[in-house]
N, C-alpha and C. Protein backbone atom coordinates (compact mmCIF):
# COMPACT_ATOMS: atom_id res chain seq x y z
N MET A 1 -13.44 34.71 19.72
CA MET A 1 -13.46 33.61 20.69
C MET A 1 -14.31 32.44 20.18
N ALA A 2 -15.48 32.78 19.62
CA ALA A 2 -16.37 31.75 19.10
C ALA A 2 -15.73 31.03 17.92
N GLU A 3 -15.01 31.79 17.08
CA GLU A 3 -14.35 31.19 15.92
C GLU A 3 -13.25 30.23 16.36
N ALA A 4 -12.50 30.64 17.37
CA ALA A 4 -11.43 29.78 17.89
C ALA A 4 -12.01 28.48 18.47
N THR A 5 -13.16 28.63 19.14
CA THR A 5 -13.82 27.46 19.71
C THR A 5 -14.28 26.49 18.62
N SER A 6 -14.82 27.04 17.53
CA SER A 6 -15.29 26.22 16.41
C SER A 6 -14.13 25.47 15.77
N ILE A 7 -13.01 26.17 15.58
CA ILE A 7 -11.83 25.54 14.99
C ILE A 7 -11.34 24.41 15.88
N LEU A 8 -11.33 24.65 17.18
CA LEU A 8 -10.90 23.62 18.13
C LEU A 8 -11.82 22.40 18.05
N ILE A 9 -13.13 22.65 17.93
CA ILE A 9 -14.10 21.56 17.85
C ILE A 9 -13.85 20.72 16.59
N LEU A 10 -13.59 21.41 15.46
CA LEU A 10 -13.38 20.71 14.20
C LEU A 10 -12.07 19.92 14.21
N LEU A 11 -11.04 20.50 14.80
CA LEU A 11 -9.76 19.78 14.91
C LEU A 11 -9.92 18.56 15.82
N THR A 12 -10.75 18.72 16.85
CA THR A 12 -11.03 17.58 17.73
C THR A 12 -11.75 16.48 16.96
N GLY A 13 -12.68 16.90 16.09
CA GLY A 13 -13.39 15.94 15.25
C GLY A 13 -12.43 15.16 14.36
N PHE A 14 -11.48 15.87 13.76
CA PHE A 14 -10.49 15.23 12.89
C PHE A 14 -9.65 14.23 13.69
N ALA A 15 -9.21 14.64 14.87
CA ALA A 15 -8.39 13.76 15.71
C ALA A 15 -9.17 12.53 16.15
N LEU A 16 -10.43 12.72 16.53
CA LEU A 16 -11.26 11.59 16.95
C LEU A 16 -11.49 10.62 15.79
N GLY A 17 -11.67 11.17 14.58
CA GLY A 17 -11.84 10.33 13.41
C GLY A 17 -10.59 9.51 13.13
N PHE A 18 -9.44 10.15 13.26
CA PHE A 18 -8.17 9.46 13.04
C PHE A 18 -8.03 8.30 14.02
N VAL A 19 -8.34 8.55 15.29
CA VAL A 19 -8.25 7.49 16.30
C VAL A 19 -9.29 6.41 16.04
N HIS A 20 -10.48 6.82 15.60
CA HIS A 20 -11.57 5.89 15.32
C HIS A 20 -11.19 4.87 14.25
N SER A 21 -10.35 5.29 13.30
CA SER A 21 -9.95 4.38 12.22
C SER A 21 -9.18 3.18 12.76
N PHE A 22 -8.64 3.30 13.96
CA PHE A 22 -7.86 2.21 14.55
C PHE A 22 -8.72 1.27 15.40
N ASP A 23 -10.05 1.44 15.36
CA ASP A 23 -10.92 0.49 16.06
C ASP A 23 -10.60 -0.91 15.54
N PRO A 24 -10.49 -1.90 16.42
CA PRO A 24 -10.06 -3.24 16.01
C PRO A 24 -10.85 -3.83 14.84
N ASP A 25 -12.18 -3.68 14.84
CA ASP A 25 -12.97 -4.26 13.76
C ASP A 25 -12.68 -3.59 12.42
N HIS A 26 -12.33 -2.30 12.46
CA HIS A 26 -11.98 -1.59 11.24
C HIS A 26 -10.64 -2.08 10.68
N VAL A 27 -9.68 -2.19 11.56
CA VAL A 27 -8.35 -2.65 11.13
C VAL A 27 -8.42 -4.06 10.57
N VAL A 28 -9.18 -4.93 11.25
CA VAL A 28 -9.33 -6.31 10.79
C VAL A 28 -10.00 -6.35 9.42
N ALA A 29 -11.07 -5.56 9.25
CA ALA A 29 -11.81 -5.55 7.98
C ALA A 29 -10.91 -5.10 6.82
N VAL A 30 -10.22 -4.00 7.00
CA VAL A 30 -9.38 -3.47 5.93
C VAL A 30 -8.19 -4.39 5.67
N SER A 31 -7.64 -4.97 6.72
CA SER A 31 -6.53 -5.92 6.55
C SER A 31 -6.98 -7.09 5.69
N THR A 32 -8.19 -7.57 5.94
CA THR A 32 -8.74 -8.68 5.17
C THR A 32 -8.95 -8.29 3.71
N LEU A 33 -9.44 -7.08 3.50
CA LEU A 33 -9.68 -6.58 2.15
C LEU A 33 -8.39 -6.47 1.34
N LEU A 34 -7.29 -6.17 2.04
CA LEU A 34 -6.02 -5.93 1.35
C LEU A 34 -5.12 -7.15 1.27
N CYS A 35 -5.55 -8.27 1.80
CA CYS A 35 -4.70 -9.46 1.87
C CYS A 35 -4.19 -9.93 0.51
N ASN A 36 -5.00 -9.76 -0.52
CA ASN A 36 -4.60 -10.23 -1.85
C ASN A 36 -4.14 -9.09 -2.75
N ASN A 37 -3.83 -7.96 -2.15
CA ASN A 37 -3.46 -6.78 -2.92
C ASN A 37 -2.02 -6.39 -2.61
N THR A 38 -1.16 -6.46 -3.62
CA THR A 38 0.25 -6.11 -3.41
C THR A 38 0.61 -4.74 -3.98
N SER A 39 -0.39 -4.03 -4.50
CA SER A 39 -0.17 -2.70 -5.06
C SER A 39 -0.46 -1.64 -4.02
N LEU A 40 0.53 -0.80 -3.71
CA LEU A 40 0.33 0.26 -2.72
C LEU A 40 -0.74 1.23 -3.18
N ARG A 41 -0.71 1.59 -4.45
CA ARG A 41 -1.69 2.55 -4.96
C ARG A 41 -3.11 2.01 -4.83
N LYS A 42 -3.31 0.74 -5.21
CA LYS A 42 -4.63 0.14 -5.12
C LYS A 42 -5.08 -0.01 -3.67
N SER A 43 -4.13 -0.28 -2.79
CA SER A 43 -4.45 -0.41 -1.37
C SER A 43 -4.93 0.92 -0.80
N ILE A 44 -4.25 1.99 -1.19
CA ILE A 44 -4.64 3.32 -0.73
C ILE A 44 -6.03 3.68 -1.22
N VAL A 45 -6.30 3.39 -2.50
CA VAL A 45 -7.62 3.67 -3.08
C VAL A 45 -8.69 2.85 -2.37
N SER A 46 -8.38 1.59 -2.08
CA SER A 46 -9.33 0.72 -1.39
C SER A 46 -9.62 1.23 0.01
N ALA A 47 -8.58 1.64 0.73
CA ALA A 47 -8.75 2.17 2.09
C ALA A 47 -9.56 3.47 2.06
N ALA A 48 -9.31 4.30 1.04
CA ALA A 48 -10.06 5.55 0.90
C ALA A 48 -11.53 5.26 0.60
N ALA A 49 -11.79 4.19 -0.20
CA ALA A 49 -13.17 3.80 -0.51
C ALA A 49 -13.88 3.34 0.76
N TRP A 50 -13.15 2.57 1.58
CA TRP A 50 -13.72 2.14 2.86
C TRP A 50 -14.05 3.36 3.73
N GLY A 51 -13.09 4.28 3.83
CA GLY A 51 -13.30 5.48 4.63
C GLY A 51 -14.42 6.34 4.08
N GLY A 52 -14.54 6.41 2.75
CA GLY A 52 -15.62 7.18 2.15
C GLY A 52 -16.97 6.59 2.47
N GLY A 53 -17.10 5.26 2.35
CA GLY A 53 -18.36 4.61 2.68
C GLY A 53 -18.71 4.80 4.15
N HIS A 54 -17.71 4.69 4.99
CA HIS A 54 -17.87 4.88 6.43
C HIS A 54 -18.39 6.29 6.74
N SER A 55 -17.78 7.27 6.08
CA SER A 55 -18.11 8.67 6.34
C SER A 55 -19.48 9.04 5.79
N ILE A 56 -19.86 8.45 4.65
CA ILE A 56 -21.17 8.73 4.07
C ILE A 56 -22.29 8.30 5.02
N THR A 57 -22.13 7.13 5.60
CA THR A 57 -23.12 6.64 6.56
C THR A 57 -23.24 7.60 7.74
N LEU A 58 -22.10 7.99 8.29
CA LEU A 58 -22.11 8.91 9.43
C LEU A 58 -22.75 10.24 9.07
N PHE A 59 -22.42 10.76 7.89
CA PHE A 59 -22.95 12.07 7.50
C PHE A 59 -24.46 12.02 7.30
N LEU A 60 -24.96 10.97 6.63
CA LEU A 60 -26.40 10.87 6.39
C LEU A 60 -27.18 10.72 7.69
N VAL A 61 -26.67 9.88 8.58
CA VAL A 61 -27.33 9.71 9.87
C VAL A 61 -27.20 10.98 10.70
N GLY A 62 -26.02 11.63 10.63
CA GLY A 62 -25.83 12.90 11.33
C GLY A 62 -26.78 13.97 10.82
N LEU A 63 -27.03 13.96 9.52
CA LEU A 63 -27.98 14.92 8.94
C LEU A 63 -29.38 14.72 9.52
N LEU A 64 -29.78 13.47 9.67
CA LEU A 64 -31.09 13.18 10.25
C LEU A 64 -31.15 13.62 11.72
N VAL A 65 -30.06 13.34 12.44
CA VAL A 65 -30.04 13.64 13.88
C VAL A 65 -29.94 15.13 14.15
N LEU A 66 -29.04 15.81 13.44
CA LEU A 66 -28.75 17.22 13.75
C LEU A 66 -29.69 18.20 13.05
N ALA A 67 -29.95 17.96 11.79
CA ALA A 67 -30.77 18.92 11.04
C ALA A 67 -32.27 18.65 11.19
N LEU A 68 -32.65 17.40 11.19
CA LEU A 68 -34.07 17.06 11.25
C LEU A 68 -34.51 16.60 12.64
N ARG A 69 -33.53 16.49 13.55
CA ARG A 69 -33.81 16.08 14.93
C ARG A 69 -34.54 14.74 15.01
N VAL A 70 -34.14 13.83 14.13
CA VAL A 70 -34.70 12.48 14.13
C VAL A 70 -34.00 11.65 15.20
N VAL A 71 -34.76 10.94 15.99
CA VAL A 71 -34.18 10.07 17.00
C VAL A 71 -33.93 8.70 16.39
N ILE A 72 -32.68 8.31 16.33
CA ILE A 72 -32.31 7.02 15.74
C ILE A 72 -32.47 5.92 16.79
N PRO A 73 -33.33 4.93 16.54
CA PRO A 73 -33.52 3.84 17.50
C PRO A 73 -32.22 3.06 17.73
N VAL A 74 -32.06 2.56 18.91
CA VAL A 74 -30.88 1.76 19.24
C VAL A 74 -30.81 0.53 18.34
N SER A 75 -31.96 0.04 17.92
CA SER A 75 -32.02 -1.15 17.08
C SER A 75 -31.29 -0.95 15.75
N VAL A 76 -31.26 0.31 15.27
CA VAL A 76 -30.57 0.60 14.01
C VAL A 76 -29.06 0.40 14.19
N PHE A 77 -28.52 0.92 15.29
CA PHE A 77 -27.10 0.73 15.57
C PHE A 77 -26.79 -0.76 15.76
N THR A 78 -27.70 -1.45 16.43
CA THR A 78 -27.51 -2.89 16.65
C THR A 78 -27.50 -3.65 15.32
N LEU A 79 -28.39 -3.25 14.41
CA LEU A 79 -28.46 -3.90 13.10
C LEU A 79 -27.16 -3.71 12.32
N PHE A 80 -26.61 -2.50 12.38
CA PHE A 80 -25.34 -2.24 11.69
C PHE A 80 -24.21 -3.05 12.31
N GLU A 81 -24.22 -3.16 13.63
CA GLU A 81 -23.20 -3.95 14.32
C GLU A 81 -23.28 -5.41 13.86
N PHE A 82 -24.50 -5.94 13.81
CA PHE A 82 -24.71 -7.32 13.40
C PHE A 82 -24.26 -7.54 11.95
N ALA A 83 -24.67 -6.63 11.06
CA ALA A 83 -24.29 -6.74 9.64
C ALA A 83 -22.79 -6.66 9.47
N GLY A 84 -22.15 -5.80 10.27
CA GLY A 84 -20.69 -5.69 10.23
C GLY A 84 -20.02 -6.97 10.67
N GLY A 85 -20.59 -7.63 11.68
CA GLY A 85 -20.04 -8.90 12.15
C GLY A 85 -20.16 -9.98 11.10
N VAL A 86 -21.33 -10.05 10.45
CA VAL A 86 -21.54 -11.04 9.39
C VAL A 86 -20.56 -10.81 8.24
N LEU A 87 -20.37 -9.54 7.90
CA LEU A 87 -19.46 -9.22 6.80
C LEU A 87 -18.02 -9.61 7.12
N LEU A 88 -17.61 -9.43 8.38
CA LEU A 88 -16.26 -9.83 8.78
C LEU A 88 -16.07 -11.34 8.60
N VAL A 89 -17.09 -12.10 8.95
CA VAL A 89 -17.02 -13.55 8.78
C VAL A 89 -16.87 -13.90 7.30
N ILE A 90 -17.66 -13.25 6.45
CA ILE A 90 -17.61 -13.52 5.01
C ILE A 90 -16.24 -13.15 4.43
N LEU A 91 -15.73 -11.98 4.82
CA LEU A 91 -14.42 -11.54 4.32
C LEU A 91 -13.32 -12.52 4.75
N GLY A 92 -13.41 -12.98 5.98
CA GLY A 92 -12.43 -13.93 6.48
C GLY A 92 -12.46 -15.24 5.71
N ILE A 93 -13.66 -15.72 5.42
CA ILE A 93 -13.81 -16.96 4.65
C ILE A 93 -13.23 -16.81 3.25
N LEU A 94 -13.46 -15.65 2.63
CA LEU A 94 -12.95 -15.40 1.28
C LEU A 94 -11.42 -15.43 1.24
N VAL A 95 -10.80 -15.04 2.35
CA VAL A 95 -9.33 -15.05 2.41
C VAL A 95 -8.80 -16.46 2.67
N ILE A 96 -9.46 -17.19 3.57
CA ILE A 96 -8.96 -18.50 3.99
C ILE A 96 -9.28 -19.61 2.98
N LYS A 97 -10.42 -19.51 2.31
CA LYS A 97 -10.85 -20.58 1.41
C LYS A 97 -9.80 -20.97 0.38
N PRO A 98 -9.15 -20.02 -0.31
CA PRO A 98 -8.13 -20.41 -1.30
C PRO A 98 -6.92 -21.10 -0.66
N LEU A 99 -6.66 -20.80 0.61
CA LEU A 99 -5.53 -21.43 1.30
C LEU A 99 -5.83 -22.89 1.64
N ILE A 100 -7.11 -23.15 1.95
CA ILE A 100 -7.51 -24.51 2.31
C ILE A 100 -7.68 -25.37 1.07
N HIS A 101 -8.23 -24.77 0.03
CA HIS A 101 -8.48 -25.52 -1.20
C HIS A 101 -7.88 -24.76 -2.38
N PRO A 102 -6.55 -24.77 -2.51
CA PRO A 102 -5.91 -24.04 -3.60
C PRO A 102 -6.29 -24.62 -4.95
N HIS A 103 -6.43 -23.76 -5.93
CA HIS A 103 -6.81 -24.19 -7.27
C HIS A 103 -5.58 -24.74 -8.00
N ASP A 104 -5.69 -25.93 -8.47
CA ASP A 104 -4.56 -26.58 -9.16
C ASP A 104 -4.83 -26.62 -10.66
N ASN A 105 -4.12 -25.79 -11.39
CA ASN A 105 -4.30 -25.72 -12.83
C ASN A 105 -3.75 -26.96 -13.54
N GLN A 106 -2.95 -27.76 -12.80
CA GLN A 106 -2.34 -28.93 -13.41
C GLN A 106 -3.25 -30.16 -13.33
N ASP A 107 -4.33 -30.03 -12.59
CA ASP A 107 -5.22 -31.18 -12.39
C ASP A 107 -6.03 -31.43 -13.66
N SER A 108 -5.77 -32.55 -14.30
CA SER A 108 -6.43 -32.84 -15.57
C SER A 108 -7.74 -33.61 -15.37
N THR A 109 -8.05 -33.95 -14.13
CA THR A 109 -9.25 -34.74 -13.88
C THR A 109 -10.49 -33.88 -13.71
N HIS A 110 -10.28 -32.56 -13.61
CA HIS A 110 -11.42 -31.66 -13.46
C HIS A 110 -11.41 -30.64 -14.59
N THR A 111 -12.61 -30.30 -15.00
CA THR A 111 -12.75 -29.25 -16.00
C THR A 111 -13.43 -28.07 -15.35
N HIS A 112 -12.79 -26.91 -15.38
CA HIS A 112 -13.34 -25.72 -14.76
C HIS A 112 -13.67 -24.68 -15.83
N VAL A 113 -14.80 -24.03 -15.63
CA VAL A 113 -15.16 -22.93 -16.52
C VAL A 113 -14.78 -21.64 -15.83
N HIS A 114 -13.91 -20.86 -16.44
CA HIS A 114 -13.42 -19.64 -15.82
C HIS A 114 -14.10 -18.42 -16.42
N VAL A 115 -14.46 -17.50 -15.56
CA VAL A 115 -14.97 -16.21 -16.00
C VAL A 115 -13.95 -15.17 -15.60
N HIS A 116 -13.24 -14.61 -16.54
CA HIS A 116 -12.18 -13.67 -16.25
C HIS A 116 -12.70 -12.23 -16.27
N LEU A 117 -12.51 -11.56 -15.19
CA LEU A 117 -12.85 -10.14 -15.14
C LEU A 117 -11.70 -9.34 -15.71
N THR A 118 -12.01 -8.23 -16.32
CA THR A 118 -10.96 -7.32 -16.75
C THR A 118 -10.36 -6.67 -15.53
N ASP A 119 -9.20 -6.05 -15.70
CA ASP A 119 -8.56 -5.37 -14.57
C ASP A 119 -9.48 -4.30 -14.02
N SER A 120 -10.19 -3.62 -14.93
CA SER A 120 -11.13 -2.58 -14.50
C SER A 120 -12.28 -3.18 -13.71
N GLY A 121 -12.78 -4.35 -14.18
CA GLY A 121 -13.88 -5.00 -13.47
C GLY A 121 -13.47 -5.47 -12.10
N GLU A 122 -12.27 -6.05 -11.99
CA GLU A 122 -11.77 -6.50 -10.69
C GLU A 122 -11.60 -5.32 -9.74
N ARG A 123 -11.08 -4.22 -10.29
CA ARG A 123 -10.85 -3.04 -9.46
C ARG A 123 -12.16 -2.50 -8.91
N HIS A 124 -13.18 -2.41 -9.78
CA HIS A 124 -14.47 -1.89 -9.34
C HIS A 124 -15.12 -2.81 -8.32
N THR A 125 -14.99 -4.12 -8.53
CA THR A 125 -15.56 -5.07 -7.58
C THR A 125 -14.91 -4.92 -6.21
N HIS A 126 -13.58 -4.78 -6.21
CA HIS A 126 -12.86 -4.63 -4.95
C HIS A 126 -13.23 -3.32 -4.26
N LEU A 127 -13.34 -2.24 -5.04
CA LEU A 127 -13.69 -0.95 -4.46
C LEU A 127 -15.12 -0.97 -3.92
N ASP A 128 -16.02 -1.63 -4.65
CA ASP A 128 -17.40 -1.74 -4.18
C ASP A 128 -17.44 -2.49 -2.85
N ARG A 129 -16.66 -3.57 -2.77
CA ARG A 129 -16.61 -4.36 -1.53
C ARG A 129 -16.07 -3.52 -0.38
N SER A 130 -15.05 -2.73 -0.66
CA SER A 130 -14.46 -1.87 0.37
C SER A 130 -15.46 -0.82 0.83
N ALA A 131 -16.14 -0.19 -0.12
CA ALA A 131 -17.10 0.86 0.21
C ALA A 131 -18.27 0.30 1.02
N VAL A 132 -18.79 -0.87 0.59
CA VAL A 132 -19.91 -1.49 1.31
C VAL A 132 -19.50 -1.86 2.73
N THR A 133 -18.29 -2.38 2.89
CA THR A 133 -17.78 -2.70 4.22
C THR A 133 -17.74 -1.46 5.09
N GLY A 134 -17.24 -0.35 4.52
CA GLY A 134 -17.19 0.91 5.26
C GLY A 134 -18.56 1.40 5.66
N VAL A 135 -19.53 1.26 4.74
CA VAL A 135 -20.91 1.68 5.03
C VAL A 135 -21.49 0.88 6.19
N LEU A 136 -21.34 -0.44 6.15
CA LEU A 136 -21.91 -1.30 7.18
C LEU A 136 -21.24 -1.11 8.54
N GLN A 137 -19.98 -0.69 8.51
CA GLN A 137 -19.28 -0.45 9.78
C GLN A 137 -19.40 1.01 10.23
N GLY A 138 -20.20 1.78 9.49
CA GLY A 138 -20.29 3.22 9.76
C GLY A 138 -20.89 3.60 11.09
N LEU A 139 -21.79 2.77 11.60
CA LEU A 139 -22.47 3.12 12.85
C LEU A 139 -22.06 2.21 14.01
N GLY A 140 -20.90 1.61 13.88
CA GLY A 140 -20.43 0.73 14.94
C GLY A 140 -19.40 1.41 15.83
N GLY A 141 -19.23 0.86 17.02
CA GLY A 141 -18.17 1.32 17.91
C GLY A 141 -18.30 2.76 18.35
N SER A 142 -17.18 3.46 18.35
CA SER A 142 -17.13 4.83 18.87
C SER A 142 -17.86 5.83 17.98
N ALA A 143 -18.12 5.48 16.72
CA ALA A 143 -18.83 6.40 15.83
C ALA A 143 -20.25 6.64 16.33
N ALA A 144 -20.89 5.60 16.82
CA ALA A 144 -22.25 5.73 17.35
C ALA A 144 -22.25 6.67 18.56
N LEU A 145 -21.25 6.54 19.41
CA LEU A 145 -21.14 7.41 20.58
C LEU A 145 -20.92 8.86 20.15
N MET A 146 -20.15 9.03 19.08
CA MET A 146 -19.89 10.38 18.57
C MET A 146 -21.18 11.04 18.11
N LEU A 147 -22.04 10.29 17.43
CA LEU A 147 -23.30 10.84 16.94
C LEU A 147 -24.23 11.21 18.10
N VAL A 148 -24.25 10.37 19.12
CA VAL A 148 -25.07 10.66 20.30
C VAL A 148 -24.59 11.94 20.98
N THR A 149 -23.28 12.10 21.07
CA THR A 149 -22.70 13.29 21.70
C THR A 149 -23.04 14.55 20.92
N LEU A 150 -23.11 14.44 19.60
CA LEU A 150 -23.37 15.61 18.76
C LEU A 150 -24.78 16.17 18.93
N THR A 151 -25.67 15.40 19.55
CA THR A 151 -27.02 15.91 19.77
C THR A 151 -27.02 17.09 20.73
N THR A 152 -25.93 17.29 21.45
CA THR A 152 -25.82 18.42 22.38
C THR A 152 -25.28 19.68 21.71
N VAL A 153 -24.83 19.55 20.44
CA VAL A 153 -24.30 20.71 19.73
C VAL A 153 -25.44 21.63 19.33
N SER A 154 -25.29 22.91 19.60
CA SER A 154 -26.35 23.88 19.34
C SER A 154 -26.55 24.16 17.86
N SER A 155 -25.46 24.13 17.07
CA SER A 155 -25.53 24.44 15.65
C SER A 155 -25.46 23.16 14.82
N ALA A 156 -26.53 22.91 14.03
CA ALA A 156 -26.54 21.73 13.18
C ALA A 156 -25.44 21.82 12.13
N GLY A 157 -25.20 23.03 11.62
CA GLY A 157 -24.16 23.22 10.61
C GLY A 157 -22.79 22.84 11.14
N LEU A 158 -22.49 23.29 12.36
CA LEU A 158 -21.20 22.97 12.97
C LEU A 158 -21.09 21.47 13.20
N GLY A 159 -22.20 20.86 13.60
CA GLY A 159 -22.19 19.43 13.84
C GLY A 159 -21.91 18.63 12.57
N LEU A 160 -22.50 19.06 11.45
CA LEU A 160 -22.29 18.37 10.19
C LEU A 160 -20.85 18.54 9.68
N VAL A 161 -20.32 19.75 9.87
CA VAL A 161 -18.92 19.98 9.47
C VAL A 161 -17.99 19.16 10.36
N PHE A 162 -18.37 19.03 11.62
CA PHE A 162 -17.61 18.18 12.55
C PHE A 162 -17.53 16.75 12.01
N ILE A 163 -18.68 16.24 11.52
CA ILE A 163 -18.70 14.88 10.97
C ILE A 163 -17.80 14.78 9.74
N LEU A 164 -17.79 15.83 8.91
CA LEU A 164 -16.92 15.83 7.73
C LEU A 164 -15.45 15.77 8.15
N PHE A 165 -15.09 16.53 9.17
CA PHE A 165 -13.71 16.50 9.66
C PHE A 165 -13.42 15.13 10.30
N PHE A 166 -14.41 14.60 10.99
CA PHE A 166 -14.27 13.26 11.58
C PHE A 166 -14.00 12.25 10.47
N GLY A 167 -14.78 12.35 9.39
CA GLY A 167 -14.61 11.44 8.25
C GLY A 167 -13.25 11.59 7.60
N ALA A 168 -12.77 12.83 7.48
CA ALA A 168 -11.44 13.06 6.90
C ALA A 168 -10.36 12.40 7.75
N GLY A 169 -10.53 12.48 9.06
CA GLY A 169 -9.59 11.83 9.97
C GLY A 169 -9.61 10.32 9.83
N VAL A 170 -10.83 9.76 9.65
CA VAL A 170 -10.98 8.33 9.45
C VAL A 170 -10.25 7.88 8.18
N ILE A 171 -10.48 8.62 7.09
CA ILE A 171 -9.86 8.27 5.81
C ILE A 171 -8.33 8.34 5.90
N LEU A 172 -7.82 9.42 6.50
CA LEU A 172 -6.37 9.56 6.62
C LEU A 172 -5.78 8.43 7.46
N GLY A 173 -6.43 8.13 8.58
CA GLY A 173 -5.94 7.06 9.44
C GLY A 173 -5.95 5.71 8.74
N MET A 174 -7.02 5.44 7.99
CA MET A 174 -7.12 4.16 7.31
C MET A 174 -6.14 4.05 6.16
N VAL A 175 -5.88 5.16 5.48
CA VAL A 175 -4.87 5.16 4.41
C VAL A 175 -3.50 4.86 4.99
N GLY A 176 -3.21 5.42 6.15
CA GLY A 176 -1.94 5.13 6.83
C GLY A 176 -1.83 3.65 7.18
N ILE A 177 -2.93 3.08 7.69
CA ILE A 177 -2.94 1.65 8.02
C ILE A 177 -2.73 0.82 6.75
N ALA A 178 -3.39 1.23 5.66
CA ALA A 178 -3.28 0.51 4.39
C ALA A 178 -1.85 0.51 3.87
N CYS A 179 -1.16 1.62 4.04
CA CYS A 179 0.23 1.70 3.58
C CYS A 179 1.10 0.69 4.32
N LEU A 180 0.90 0.56 5.61
CA LEU A 180 1.67 -0.39 6.40
C LEU A 180 1.34 -1.83 5.99
N ILE A 181 0.04 -2.11 5.88
CA ILE A 181 -0.39 -3.46 5.54
C ILE A 181 0.08 -3.84 4.14
N SER A 182 -0.12 -2.93 3.18
CA SER A 182 0.25 -3.21 1.80
C SER A 182 1.75 -3.45 1.66
N SER A 183 2.55 -2.67 2.37
CA SER A 183 4.00 -2.84 2.32
C SER A 183 4.40 -4.22 2.83
N LEU A 184 3.77 -4.66 3.92
CA LEU A 184 4.06 -5.97 4.49
C LEU A 184 3.61 -7.09 3.54
N ILE A 185 2.41 -6.94 2.98
CA ILE A 185 1.88 -7.95 2.06
C ILE A 185 2.76 -8.06 0.82
N ALA A 186 3.13 -6.92 0.24
CA ALA A 186 3.95 -6.92 -0.97
C ALA A 186 5.32 -7.55 -0.72
N PHE A 187 5.92 -7.21 0.43
CA PHE A 187 7.26 -7.73 0.75
C PHE A 187 7.23 -9.24 0.93
N THR A 188 6.27 -9.73 1.70
CA THR A 188 6.22 -11.18 1.96
C THR A 188 5.77 -11.96 0.73
N ALA A 189 4.92 -11.36 -0.10
CA ALA A 189 4.44 -12.06 -1.30
C ALA A 189 5.57 -12.34 -2.28
N SER A 190 6.52 -11.43 -2.35
CA SER A 190 7.61 -11.56 -3.32
C SER A 190 8.83 -12.30 -2.77
N ARG A 191 8.97 -12.34 -1.44
CA ARG A 191 10.20 -12.90 -0.88
C ARG A 191 9.99 -14.00 0.16
N LEU A 192 8.86 -13.95 0.84
CA LEU A 192 8.62 -14.91 1.93
C LEU A 192 7.22 -15.53 1.75
N GLU A 193 7.15 -16.47 0.84
CA GLU A 193 5.84 -17.03 0.48
C GLU A 193 5.12 -17.67 1.66
N LYS A 194 5.86 -18.45 2.46
CA LYS A 194 5.24 -19.12 3.60
C LYS A 194 4.74 -18.11 4.63
N VAL A 195 5.52 -17.08 4.86
CA VAL A 195 5.10 -16.03 5.79
C VAL A 195 3.88 -15.31 5.25
N HIS A 196 3.88 -15.10 3.93
CA HIS A 196 2.76 -14.42 3.28
C HIS A 196 1.47 -15.22 3.47
N LYS A 197 1.55 -16.54 3.27
CA LYS A 197 0.38 -17.39 3.47
C LYS A 197 -0.05 -17.41 4.93
N ALA A 198 0.93 -17.39 5.83
CA ALA A 198 0.62 -17.39 7.26
C ALA A 198 -0.10 -16.10 7.65
N ILE A 199 0.34 -14.97 7.10
CA ILE A 199 -0.30 -13.69 7.38
C ILE A 199 -1.75 -13.70 6.91
N LYS A 200 -1.97 -14.25 5.72
CA LYS A 200 -3.33 -14.34 5.19
C LYS A 200 -4.20 -15.25 6.06
N ALA A 201 -3.62 -16.36 6.51
CA ALA A 201 -4.37 -17.30 7.34
C ALA A 201 -4.75 -16.66 8.68
N VAL A 202 -3.79 -15.97 9.28
CA VAL A 202 -4.05 -15.31 10.57
C VAL A 202 -5.07 -14.18 10.40
N THR A 203 -4.92 -13.40 9.34
CA THR A 203 -5.84 -12.29 9.10
C THR A 203 -7.26 -12.78 8.85
N GLY A 204 -7.39 -13.80 7.99
CA GLY A 204 -8.71 -14.35 7.71
C GLY A 204 -9.35 -14.96 8.96
N SER A 205 -8.54 -15.68 9.74
CA SER A 205 -9.05 -16.29 10.98
C SER A 205 -9.49 -15.23 11.98
N ALA A 206 -8.68 -14.17 12.10
CA ALA A 206 -9.00 -13.09 13.02
C ALA A 206 -10.31 -12.42 12.61
N SER A 207 -10.52 -12.26 11.30
CA SER A 207 -11.75 -11.64 10.81
C SER A 207 -12.96 -12.50 11.17
N ILE A 208 -12.83 -13.81 10.99
CA ILE A 208 -13.94 -14.71 11.32
C ILE A 208 -14.24 -14.69 12.81
N VAL A 209 -13.19 -14.81 13.62
CA VAL A 209 -13.36 -14.82 15.08
C VAL A 209 -13.97 -13.52 15.56
N PHE A 210 -13.46 -12.40 15.04
CA PHE A 210 -13.97 -11.10 15.46
C PHE A 210 -15.43 -10.94 15.04
N GLY A 211 -15.73 -11.41 13.81
CA GLY A 211 -17.10 -11.32 13.34
C GLY A 211 -18.06 -12.12 14.18
N VAL A 212 -17.66 -13.36 14.51
CA VAL A 212 -18.50 -14.22 15.36
C VAL A 212 -18.69 -13.57 16.73
N PHE A 213 -17.62 -13.00 17.28
CA PHE A 213 -17.70 -12.33 18.58
C PHE A 213 -18.73 -11.21 18.55
N ILE A 214 -18.71 -10.41 17.48
CA ILE A 214 -19.66 -9.30 17.37
C ILE A 214 -21.09 -9.84 17.24
N ILE A 215 -21.28 -10.88 16.43
CA ILE A 215 -22.60 -11.46 16.24
C ILE A 215 -23.15 -11.99 17.58
N VAL A 216 -22.32 -12.70 18.32
CA VAL A 216 -22.74 -13.24 19.63
C VAL A 216 -23.05 -12.11 20.60
N GLN A 217 -22.20 -11.09 20.59
CA GLN A 217 -22.40 -9.94 21.48
C GLN A 217 -23.74 -9.26 21.20
N VAL A 218 -24.06 -9.09 19.92
CA VAL A 218 -25.34 -8.48 19.54
C VAL A 218 -26.50 -9.38 19.95
N ALA A 219 -26.35 -10.69 19.72
CA ALA A 219 -27.41 -11.65 20.06
C ALA A 219 -27.71 -11.62 21.55
N VAL A 220 -26.69 -11.48 22.37
CA VAL A 220 -26.86 -11.44 23.83
C VAL A 220 -27.63 -10.19 24.25
N GLN A 221 -27.41 -9.09 23.51
CA GLN A 221 -28.06 -7.82 23.84
C GLN A 221 -29.55 -7.81 23.46
N LEU A 222 -29.95 -8.67 22.53
CA LEU A 222 -31.34 -8.68 22.07
C LEU A 222 -32.28 -9.28 23.10
């Protein structure tokens, strides 16, 4: 009976993690990260990196809460919310800026010095950005509520495994979202250029608006 209960708890954790991946700020962040990526494989890896960073934050904080019985101040959650909002604004600007001021290679009146990253360097930079975004969004929204709820779990081990299953659900859900986004981006990039630019403009704008909303919301709570 106890084993069946534990399995049910872990499956619940996985399901909650999957649903958690669809939090609006998460979807907006990953959509922004994938706006310039037309490779399905790279999009999946990027989404997995975001989910990994997200899960690492949850696991480390869960370890403090469940195993060491450390009480996490509300200010810590607030700080992560604020940092996540700022990051959304930055990501949105990075997407919109090239649309507002496109680089014209034909312009002979300006001389630009280019620093070209290798494909490997670009990939690592993008993955690092995805992972950092996941880390900063790790304690926002329903994830924070999940950690508070876990303080009632009698077994620290079960609680930590619950977080791992929660993280697996987050990663799976985000990979699914990435597949949809990447397919749309790739299709419009190759066939519908104006629609592709419009999608990037809307995504970048949504990221900025959502980020500002979170920043204001946090400021009001202080």
